[in-house]
Amino acid sequence: MSRPVPLMLLLVLSLWLAACYGVRFGFMEDGQWVGACADDAGLWQCQVRATLGLLIHWRVLAWVALGAALLGFLLPGRKGSVLAVVALLFALPALVLYTASLAVFALVIAALRLVRAPRPA
């Protein structure tokens, strides 16, 4: 029998997903920021946007999520569960920010780890 996922974790992940969509549509794709960064790339907001763009381009978020999910799946006990939550926290922005091909595997593996029944002692 599988374990239920705590309601607080689902709430936090839902808020994190909403924040990720806010970053995507309010910061990365907003025409205001595209124009402002084309005019003056030295703004700190434009530097953050450029760095996030590089993280997306090199799929850093998705690879970190996948690595944490695989480690979390293999490690027993609380360490594995914590790594699975970390993987979810990296997989959600990776899914929202254009690297869904890798992040979907991390999301599934981490979710399976969280609902997996504990091994008998």
N, C-alpha and C. Protein backbone atom coordinates (compact mmCIF):
# COMPACT_ATOMS: atom_id res chain seq x y z
N MET A 1 0.84 -1.17 0.00
CA MET A 1 0.00 0.00 0.00
C MET A 1 0.89 1.24 0.00
N SER A 2 0.54 2.22 -0.76
CA SER A 2 1.35 3.43 -0.86
C SER A 2 1.00 4.40 0.26
N ARG A 3 1.93 5.33 0.51
CA ARG A 3 1.73 6.37 1.53
C ARG A 3 1.02 7.56 0.91
N PRO A 4 0.17 8.23 1.70
CA PRO A 4 -0.42 9.47 1.19
C PRO A 4 0.60 10.60 1.27
N VAL A 5 0.55 11.48 0.29
CA VAL A 5 1.44 12.64 0.27
C VAL A 5 0.80 13.72 1.17
N PRO A 6 1.60 14.32 2.06
CA PRO A 6 1.02 15.34 2.96
C PRO A 6 0.40 16.50 2.20
N LEU A 7 -0.69 16.98 2.75
CA LEU A 7 -1.43 18.09 2.13
C LEU A 7 -0.57 19.35 2.05
N MET A 8 0.26 19.58 3.06
CA MET A 8 1.12 20.77 3.07
C MET A 8 2.11 20.74 1.90
N LEU A 9 2.64 19.57 1.59
CA LEU A 9 3.56 19.45 0.46
C LEU A 9 2.84 19.76 -0.85
N LEU A 10 1.63 19.29 -0.99
CA LEU A 10 0.86 19.59 -2.21
C LEU A 10 0.57 21.08 -2.33
N LEU A 11 0.29 21.72 -1.21
CA LEU A 11 0.03 23.16 -1.23
C LEU A 11 1.29 23.94 -1.61
N VAL A 12 2.42 23.57 -1.02
CA VAL A 12 3.68 24.25 -1.33
C VAL A 12 4.05 24.05 -2.80
N LEU A 13 3.88 22.84 -3.30
CA LEU A 13 4.20 22.58 -4.71
C LEU A 13 3.26 23.34 -5.64
N SER A 14 2.00 23.49 -5.26
CA SER A 14 1.06 24.26 -6.08
C SER A 14 1.45 25.74 -6.12
N LEU A 15 1.84 26.29 -4.98
CA LEU A 15 2.29 27.68 -4.94
C LEU A 15 3.58 27.86 -5.73
N TRP A 16 4.48 26.90 -5.64
CA TRP A 16 5.75 26.94 -6.38
C TRP A 16 5.47 26.90 -7.89
N LEU A 17 4.52 26.07 -8.30
CA LEU A 17 4.16 25.99 -9.72
C LEU A 17 3.58 27.32 -10.20
N ALA A 18 2.73 27.94 -9.39
CA ALA A 18 2.18 29.25 -9.75
C ALA A 18 3.28 30.30 -9.85
N ALA A 19 4.24 30.27 -8.95
CA ALA A 19 5.37 31.21 -9.00
C ALA A 19 6.21 30.98 -10.25
N CYS A 20 6.40 29.74 -10.64
CA CYS A 20 7.17 29.44 -11.85
C CYS A 20 6.48 29.98 -13.10
N TYR A 21 5.15 29.83 -13.14
CA TYR A 21 4.41 30.40 -14.27
C TYR A 21 4.47 31.93 -14.25
N GLY A 22 4.49 32.51 -13.06
CA GLY A 22 4.65 33.95 -12.95
C GLY A 22 5.98 34.42 -13.51
N VAL A 23 7.03 33.68 -13.23
CA VAL A 23 8.35 34.02 -13.78
C VAL A 23 8.35 33.87 -15.29
N ARG A 24 7.73 32.81 -15.78
CA ARG A 24 7.73 32.60 -17.23
C ARG A 24 6.99 33.70 -17.97
N PHE A 25 5.74 33.95 -17.56
CA PHE A 25 4.93 34.89 -18.32
C PHE A 25 5.11 36.34 -17.89
N GLY A 26 5.56 36.57 -16.68
CA GLY A 26 5.72 37.93 -16.21
C GLY A 26 7.13 38.48 -16.35
N PHE A 27 8.09 37.60 -16.58
CA PHE A 27 9.48 38.05 -16.63
C PHE A 27 10.19 37.60 -17.91
N MET A 28 10.03 36.35 -18.28
CA MET A 28 10.77 35.84 -19.44
C MET A 28 10.10 36.21 -20.77
N GLU A 29 8.79 36.17 -20.82
CA GLU A 29 8.09 36.39 -22.09
C GLU A 29 7.41 37.75 -22.19
N ASP A 30 7.45 38.54 -21.15
CA ASP A 30 6.79 39.84 -21.16
C ASP A 30 7.51 40.79 -22.10
N GLY A 31 6.76 41.43 -22.96
CA GLY A 31 7.34 42.35 -23.94
C GLY A 31 8.04 43.54 -23.31
N GLN A 32 7.60 43.95 -22.15
CA GLN A 32 8.23 45.06 -21.45
C GLN A 32 9.69 44.74 -21.13
N TRP A 33 9.94 43.52 -20.62
CA TRP A 33 11.31 43.14 -20.26
C TRP A 33 12.16 42.87 -21.50
N VAL A 34 11.55 42.37 -22.53
CA VAL A 34 12.29 42.14 -23.77
C VAL A 34 12.80 43.47 -24.30
N GLY A 35 11.93 44.47 -24.32
CA GLY A 35 12.34 45.79 -24.81
C GLY A 35 13.33 46.47 -23.89
N ALA A 36 13.12 46.38 -22.59
CA ALA A 36 14.03 47.02 -21.64
C ALA A 36 15.42 46.41 -21.70
N CYS A 37 15.48 45.11 -21.85
CA CYS A 37 16.79 44.44 -21.89
C CYS A 37 17.47 44.63 -23.24
N ALA A 38 16.69 44.89 -24.29
CA ALA A 38 17.30 45.20 -25.58
C ALA A 38 17.93 46.58 -25.55
N ASP A 39 17.31 47.51 -24.81
CA ASP A 39 17.84 48.87 -24.70
C ASP A 39 19.03 48.95 -23.76
N ASP A 40 18.93 48.36 -22.58
CA ASP A 40 19.99 48.45 -21.58
C ASP A 40 20.19 47.09 -20.93
N ALA A 41 21.12 46.32 -21.44
CA ALA A 41 21.38 44.97 -20.92
C ALA A 41 22.11 44.99 -19.59
N GLY A 42 22.54 46.13 -19.13
CA GLY A 42 23.27 46.23 -17.88
C GLY A 42 22.40 46.26 -16.64
N LEU A 43 21.09 46.37 -16.80
CA LEU A 43 20.20 46.35 -15.64
C LEU A 43 20.32 45.01 -14.92
N TRP A 44 20.21 45.05 -13.59
CA TRP A 44 20.35 43.80 -12.85
C TRP A 44 19.23 42.83 -13.19
N GLN A 45 18.04 43.33 -13.50
CA GLN A 45 16.94 42.46 -13.90
C GLN A 45 17.27 41.74 -15.20
N CYS A 46 17.94 42.45 -16.10
CA CYS A 46 18.33 41.84 -17.38
C CYS A 46 19.43 40.80 -17.18
N GLN A 47 20.30 41.05 -16.22
CA GLN A 47 21.34 40.07 -15.92
C GLN A 47 20.72 38.79 -15.34
N VAL A 48 19.74 38.95 -14.47
CA VAL A 48 19.04 37.79 -13.91
C VAL A 48 18.31 37.05 -15.02
N ARG A 49 17.68 37.80 -15.90
CA ARG A 49 16.96 37.19 -17.02
C ARG A 49 17.90 36.43 -17.95
N ALA A 50 19.08 37.01 -18.20
CA ALA A 50 20.06 36.35 -19.06
C ALA A 50 20.61 35.09 -18.40
N THR A 51 20.85 35.15 -17.11
CA THR A 51 21.35 33.97 -16.39
C THR A 51 20.31 32.87 -16.39
N LEU A 52 19.06 33.23 -16.16
CA LEU A 52 17.99 32.24 -16.22
C LEU A 52 17.86 31.66 -17.62
N GLY A 53 18.06 32.49 -18.62
CA GLY A 53 18.06 31.99 -20.00
C GLY A 53 19.16 30.98 -20.25
N LEU A 54 20.34 31.22 -19.69
CA LEU A 54 21.44 30.24 -19.83
C LEU A 54 21.12 28.95 -19.09
N LEU A 55 20.52 29.07 -17.91
CA LEU A 55 20.13 27.86 -17.17
C LEU A 55 19.11 27.04 -17.97
N ILE A 56 18.22 27.74 -18.65
CA ILE A 56 17.25 27.05 -19.49
C ILE A 56 17.94 26.41 -20.69
N HIS A 57 18.83 27.17 -21.34
CA HIS A 57 19.50 26.68 -22.54
C HIS A 57 20.34 25.43 -22.25
N TRP A 58 21.06 25.44 -21.15
CA TRP A 58 21.92 24.30 -20.81
C TRP A 58 21.17 23.23 -20.03
N ARG A 59 19.87 23.41 -19.80
CA ARG A 59 19.01 22.45 -19.12
C ARG A 59 19.50 22.11 -17.71
N VAL A 60 20.05 23.07 -17.03
CA VAL A 60 20.62 22.84 -15.70
C VAL A 60 19.54 22.42 -14.72
N LEU A 61 18.40 23.11 -14.73
CA LEU A 61 17.32 22.77 -13.80
C LEU A 61 16.83 21.33 -14.01
N ALA A 62 16.69 20.93 -15.25
CA ALA A 62 16.20 19.58 -15.55
C ALA A 62 17.22 18.52 -15.15
N TRP A 63 18.50 18.77 -15.40
CA TRP A 63 19.52 17.78 -15.03
C TRP A 63 19.66 17.65 -13.52
N VAL A 64 19.57 18.76 -12.81
CA VAL A 64 19.62 18.70 -11.34
C VAL A 64 18.40 17.94 -10.81
N ALA A 65 17.25 18.21 -11.37
CA ALA A 65 16.03 17.51 -10.96
C ALA A 65 16.13 16.02 -11.23
N LEU A 66 16.64 15.66 -12.39
CA LEU A 66 16.76 14.25 -12.73
C LEU A 66 17.77 13.55 -11.84
N GLY A 67 18.89 14.19 -11.57
CA GLY A 67 19.89 13.60 -10.68
C GLY A 67 19.36 13.42 -9.27
N ALA A 68 18.69 14.44 -8.75
CA ALA A 68 18.12 14.34 -7.40
C ALA A 68 17.03 13.28 -7.34
N ALA A 69 16.23 13.17 -8.38
CA ALA A 69 15.16 12.17 -8.40
C ALA A 69 15.73 10.76 -8.42
N LEU A 70 16.75 10.55 -9.22
CA LEU A 70 17.36 9.21 -9.27
C LEU A 70 18.03 8.85 -7.95
N LEU A 71 18.76 9.80 -7.36
CA LEU A 71 19.37 9.54 -6.06
C LEU A 71 18.30 9.31 -4.99
N GLY A 72 17.26 10.12 -5.02
CA GLY A 72 16.17 9.96 -4.06
C GLY A 72 15.46 8.63 -4.21
N PHE A 73 15.37 8.14 -5.43
CA PHE A 73 14.71 6.86 -5.66
C PHE A 73 15.56 5.71 -5.12
N LEU A 74 16.88 5.87 -5.18
CA LEU A 74 17.76 4.80 -4.74
C LEU A 74 18.04 4.81 -3.24
N LEU A 75 18.06 5.99 -2.63
CA LEU A 75 18.37 6.07 -1.21
C LEU A 75 17.15 5.71 -0.37
N PRO A 76 17.36 4.92 0.68
CA PRO A 76 16.22 4.54 1.52
C PRO A 76 15.91 5.61 2.57
N GLY A 77 14.72 5.51 3.13
CA GLY A 77 14.34 6.32 4.28
C GLY A 77 14.10 7.78 3.96
N ARG A 78 14.35 8.59 4.99
CA ARG A 78 14.06 10.03 4.92
C ARG A 78 14.95 10.75 3.91
N LYS A 79 16.20 10.31 3.75
CA LYS A 79 17.10 10.96 2.79
C LYS A 79 16.54 10.88 1.37
N GLY A 80 16.02 9.74 1.02
CA GLY A 80 15.43 9.58 -0.30
C GLY A 80 14.20 10.44 -0.50
N SER A 81 13.39 10.55 0.54
CA SER A 81 12.18 11.39 0.44
C SER A 81 12.54 12.86 0.31
N VAL A 82 13.54 13.30 1.06
CA VAL A 82 13.97 14.71 0.97
C VAL A 82 14.52 15.01 -0.42
N LEU A 83 15.32 14.10 -0.96
CA LEU A 83 15.84 14.30 -2.31
C LEU A 83 14.73 14.29 -3.35
N ALA A 84 13.70 13.51 -3.13
CA ALA A 84 12.57 13.50 -4.06
C ALA A 84 11.83 14.85 -4.04
N VAL A 85 11.69 15.44 -2.86
CA VAL A 85 11.06 16.76 -2.77
C VAL A 85 11.93 17.81 -3.45
N VAL A 86 13.25 17.72 -3.24
CA VAL A 86 14.18 18.65 -3.92
C VAL A 86 14.05 18.48 -5.43
N ALA A 87 13.95 17.24 -5.88
CA ALA A 87 13.80 17.00 -7.32
C ALA A 87 12.51 17.62 -7.85
N LEU A 88 11.43 17.54 -7.08
CA LEU A 88 10.18 18.18 -7.50
C LEU A 88 10.32 19.69 -7.57
N LEU A 89 11.06 20.26 -6.61
CA LEU A 89 11.24 21.71 -6.60
C LEU A 89 12.07 22.19 -7.79
N PHE A 90 12.94 21.35 -8.33
CA PHE A 90 13.68 21.71 -9.53
C PHE A 90 12.94 21.30 -10.81
N ALA A 91 12.15 20.23 -10.74
CA ALA A 91 11.47 19.74 -11.94
C ALA A 91 10.33 20.66 -12.37
N LEU A 92 9.62 21.25 -11.41
CA LEU A 92 8.50 22.12 -11.78
C LEU A 92 8.94 23.34 -12.58
N PRO A 93 9.98 24.09 -12.14
CA PRO A 93 10.40 25.20 -13.01
C PRO A 93 11.00 24.72 -14.33
N ALA A 94 11.63 23.56 -14.31
CA ALA A 94 12.17 23.03 -15.57
C ALA A 94 11.04 22.70 -16.54
N LEU A 95 9.94 22.16 -16.03
CA LEU A 95 8.79 21.89 -16.89
C LEU A 95 8.19 23.16 -17.45
N VAL A 96 8.06 24.16 -16.60
CA VAL A 96 7.43 25.41 -17.01
C VAL A 96 8.35 26.20 -17.94
N LEU A 97 9.65 26.13 -17.69
CA LEU A 97 10.61 26.94 -18.43
C LEU A 97 11.29 26.14 -19.55
N TYR A 98 10.49 25.49 -20.37
CA TYR A 98 10.92 25.01 -21.69
C TYR A 98 11.84 23.78 -21.70
N THR A 99 12.03 23.05 -20.61
CA THR A 99 12.86 21.85 -20.67
C THR A 99 12.05 20.64 -20.19
N ALA A 100 10.89 20.50 -20.76
CA ALA A 100 9.97 19.45 -20.31
C ALA A 100 10.45 18.05 -20.66
N SER A 101 11.25 17.90 -21.70
CA SER A 101 11.64 16.56 -22.13
C SER A 101 12.41 15.81 -21.06
N LEU A 102 13.28 16.47 -20.31
CA LEU A 102 14.00 15.83 -19.22
C LEU A 102 13.25 15.92 -17.90
N ALA A 103 12.62 17.03 -17.67
CA ALA A 103 12.00 17.28 -16.38
C ALA A 103 10.81 16.36 -16.11
N VAL A 104 10.14 15.92 -17.15
CA VAL A 104 8.99 15.04 -16.94
C VAL A 104 9.44 13.72 -16.33
N PHE A 105 10.60 13.22 -16.72
CA PHE A 105 11.11 11.99 -16.12
C PHE A 105 11.46 12.21 -14.65
N ALA A 106 12.08 13.33 -14.35
CA ALA A 106 12.42 13.65 -12.96
C ALA A 106 11.15 13.77 -12.12
N LEU A 107 10.13 14.40 -12.66
CA LEU A 107 8.88 14.57 -11.93
C LEU A 107 8.23 13.23 -11.62
N VAL A 108 8.19 12.35 -12.59
CA VAL A 108 7.57 11.03 -12.39
C VAL A 108 8.36 10.21 -11.39
N ILE A 109 9.68 10.19 -11.52
CA ILE A 109 10.51 9.40 -10.62
C ILE A 109 10.39 9.92 -9.19
N ALA A 110 10.43 11.24 -9.02
CA ALA A 110 10.32 11.82 -7.68
C ALA A 110 8.94 11.55 -7.08
N ALA A 111 7.90 11.68 -7.87
CA ALA A 111 6.56 11.42 -7.37
C ALA A 111 6.39 9.95 -6.97
N LEU A 112 6.95 9.06 -7.77
CA LEU A 112 6.88 7.64 -7.42
C LEU A 112 7.63 7.36 -6.12
N ARG A 113 8.74 8.04 -5.92
CA ARG A 113 9.49 7.85 -4.67
C ARG A 113 8.70 8.34 -3.47
N LEU A 114 7.97 9.43 -3.62
CA LEU A 114 7.21 9.97 -2.50
C LEU A 114 6.02 9.10 -2.10
N VAL A 115 5.42 8.40 -3.04
CA VAL A 115 4.27 7.56 -2.71
C VAL A 115 4.64 6.11 -2.48
N ARG A 116 5.89 5.77 -2.66
CA ARG A 116 6.33 4.39 -2.45
C ARG A 116 6.21 4.01 -0.99
N ALA A 117 5.69 2.84 -0.74
CA ALA A 117 5.54 2.36 0.64
C ALA A 117 6.91 2.09 1.24
N PRO A 118 7.08 2.37 2.53
CA PRO A 118 8.37 2.11 3.16
C PRO A 118 8.66 0.60 3.20
N ARG A 119 9.94 0.29 3.10
CA ARG A 119 10.32 -1.13 3.13
C ARG A 119 10.21 -1.67 4.55
N PRO A 120 9.76 -2.91 4.67
CA PRO A 120 9.68 -3.47 6.02
C PRO A 120 11.08 -3.69 6.61
N ALA A 121 11.18 -3.51 7.91
CA ALA A 121 12.48 -3.63 8.57
C ALA A 121 12.92 -5.05 8.77
